[in-house]
Protein backbone atom coordinates (compact mmCIF):
# COMPACT_ATOMS: atom_id res chain seq x y z
CA SER A 1 -0.27 -0.30 0.09
CA LYS A 2 0.96 3.23 -0.57
CA ALA A 3 1.25 4.23 3.56
CA GLU A 4 3.30 0.96 4.24
CA PHE A 5 5.60 2.57 1.35
CA GLU A 6 5.97 5.69 2.91
CA LYS A 7 7.03 4.10 6.56
CA LEU A 8 9.45 1.93 4.21
CA LEU A 9 10.75 5.07 2.65
CA THR A 10 10.83 7.00 6.17
CA GLU A 11 12.29 4.20 8.42
CA ARG A 12 14.76 2.82 6.04
CA PRO A 13 15.17 -0.70 7.97
CA ALA A 14 18.63 -2.99 7.78
CA GLY A 15 18.52 -4.58 4.86
CA PHE A 16 15.83 -2.03 2.80
CA LEU A 17 16.86 -1.52 -1.10
CA LEU A 18 14.86 0.30 -3.20
CA VAL A 19 15.20 -0.68 -6.64
CA ASP A 20 14.21 1.80 -9.44
CA VAL A 21 13.85 -0.39 -12.68
CA ARG A 22 12.91 2.25 -15.36
CA PRO A 23 14.82 3.64 -18.23
CA ALA A 24 18.91 4.41 -17.12
CA ALA A 25 17.62 8.15 -18.90
CA ASP A 26 14.63 8.43 -16.96
CA PHE A 27 15.99 7.81 -13.86
CA ALA A 28 18.49 10.08 -14.98
CA LYS A 29 16.05 12.84 -15.21
CA GLY A 30 14.42 12.15 -10.98
CA HIS A 31 14.64 9.04 -8.87
CA ILE A 32 13.76 8.31 -5.34
CA PRO A 33 16.70 9.05 -3.11
CA GLY A 34 18.86 6.44 -2.15
CA ALA A 35 17.35 4.10 -5.37
CA ILE A 36 19.81 2.28 -7.29
CA ASN A 37 19.18 1.94 -11.05
CA ILE A 38 18.28 -1.45 -12.54
CA LEU A 39 16.13 -2.17 -15.87
CA ASP A 40 13.02 -4.47 -15.42
CA GLU A 41 14.61 -6.50 -17.86
CA GLU A 42 17.79 -7.38 -16.63
CA ILE A 43 16.44 -8.21 -12.94
CA ALA A 44 16.56 -12.13 -13.72
CA LYS A 45 20.60 -11.41 -14.97
CA ASP A 46 21.65 -8.91 -12.18
CA ILE A 47 20.12 -10.27 -9.24
CA SER A 48 23.47 -10.27 -7.45
CA ARG A 49 23.10 -6.75 -6.82
CA PRO A 50 19.88 -7.04 -4.07
CA LYS A 51 20.78 -10.37 -3.15
CA GLY A 52 21.52 -10.24 0.77
CA ALA A 53 19.09 -7.30 0.94
CA ILE A 54 16.16 -8.59 2.60
CA ASN A 55 13.59 -5.41 2.00
CA VAL A 56 13.94 -4.94 -1.69
CA VAL A 57 11.05 -2.80 -2.97
CA PHE A 58 11.35 -2.57 -6.92
CA TYR A 59 9.22 0.46 -8.21
CA CYS A 60 8.54 2.46 -11.44
CA SER A 61 6.30 5.03 -12.54
CA THR A 62 3.14 2.94 -12.73
CA GLY A 63 3.28 -0.58 -10.69
CA SER A 64 3.22 -2.85 -14.27
CA ARG A 65 7.38 -2.44 -14.96
CA SER A 66 8.00 -3.21 -10.86
CA SER A 67 4.98 -5.94 -10.80
CA GLY A 68 7.37 -7.64 -13.70
CA ALA A 69 10.80 -6.70 -11.53
CA TYR A 70 9.14 -8.93 -8.84
CA TYR A 71 8.42 -11.59 -10.23
CA ALA A 72 11.38 -12.22 -11.69
CA ALA A 73 13.43 -12.12 -8.90
CA GLU A 74 10.86 -14.27 -6.69
CA ASP A 75 11.21 -16.93 -10.19
CA ALA A 76 14.86 -16.18 -9.80
CA GLY A 77 15.23 -16.92 -5.55
CA LEU A 78 15.13 -13.88 -4.63
CA LYS A 79 13.01 -14.07 -1.90
CA GLY A 80 11.52 -11.22 0.34
CA THR A 81 10.73 -8.75 -2.71
CA HIS A 82 7.72 -6.20 -2.76
CA TYR A 83 6.69 -4.11 -5.75
CA VAL A 84 4.87 -0.48 -6.06
CA ASN A 85 1.66 -0.90 -7.41
CA ARG A 86 1.11 2.90 -7.86
CA ASN A 87 1.39 5.69 -10.09
CA ILE A 88 4.72 7.82 -8.97
CA ASP A 89 5.32 10.94 -10.79
CA PHE A 90 8.97 11.87 -10.83
CA ASN A 91 9.22 15.70 -10.84
CA PRO A 92 11.85 18.30 -12.78
CA ASP A 93 12.95 19.33 -9.38
CA GLY A 94 13.89 15.76 -8.29
CA SER A 95 11.08 15.49 -5.69
CA TYR A 96 8.03 13.13 -6.76
CA GLY A 97 4.56 12.41 -5.54
CA ILE A 98 2.62 9.09 -5.21
CA HIS A 99 -0.92 8.10 -6.27
C-alpha cells in the first residue's frame, strides 16, 4: 500500500534496498533518493546486486515494470521482495508524488 511504502521510505530498515526499474534515462531525470537503477528486463540477469538485501522494493512510474521485476526476482530465487503498484510522478526538480 501507499502507506506501507511511505513508511519504508521514512524508516529505511536494515536490509532495505529500493530498486528503480525504469530505463536509465528516466532514472537520471528523477528518482527516489537512495534508489539504485536496474532495468526491469535485467533483474533476472543482475540478481546479484539486490542479493543479501532482505527488504527489496521495486518501483517504476505505474507499477507495471515493478510487478514484472518482482516476479522475475522471485523466479530467480530472491525472496522478501515487494513492488509498488502505484503511479509515481517524477518532477524535474527531483521531487516526486505517489498516487
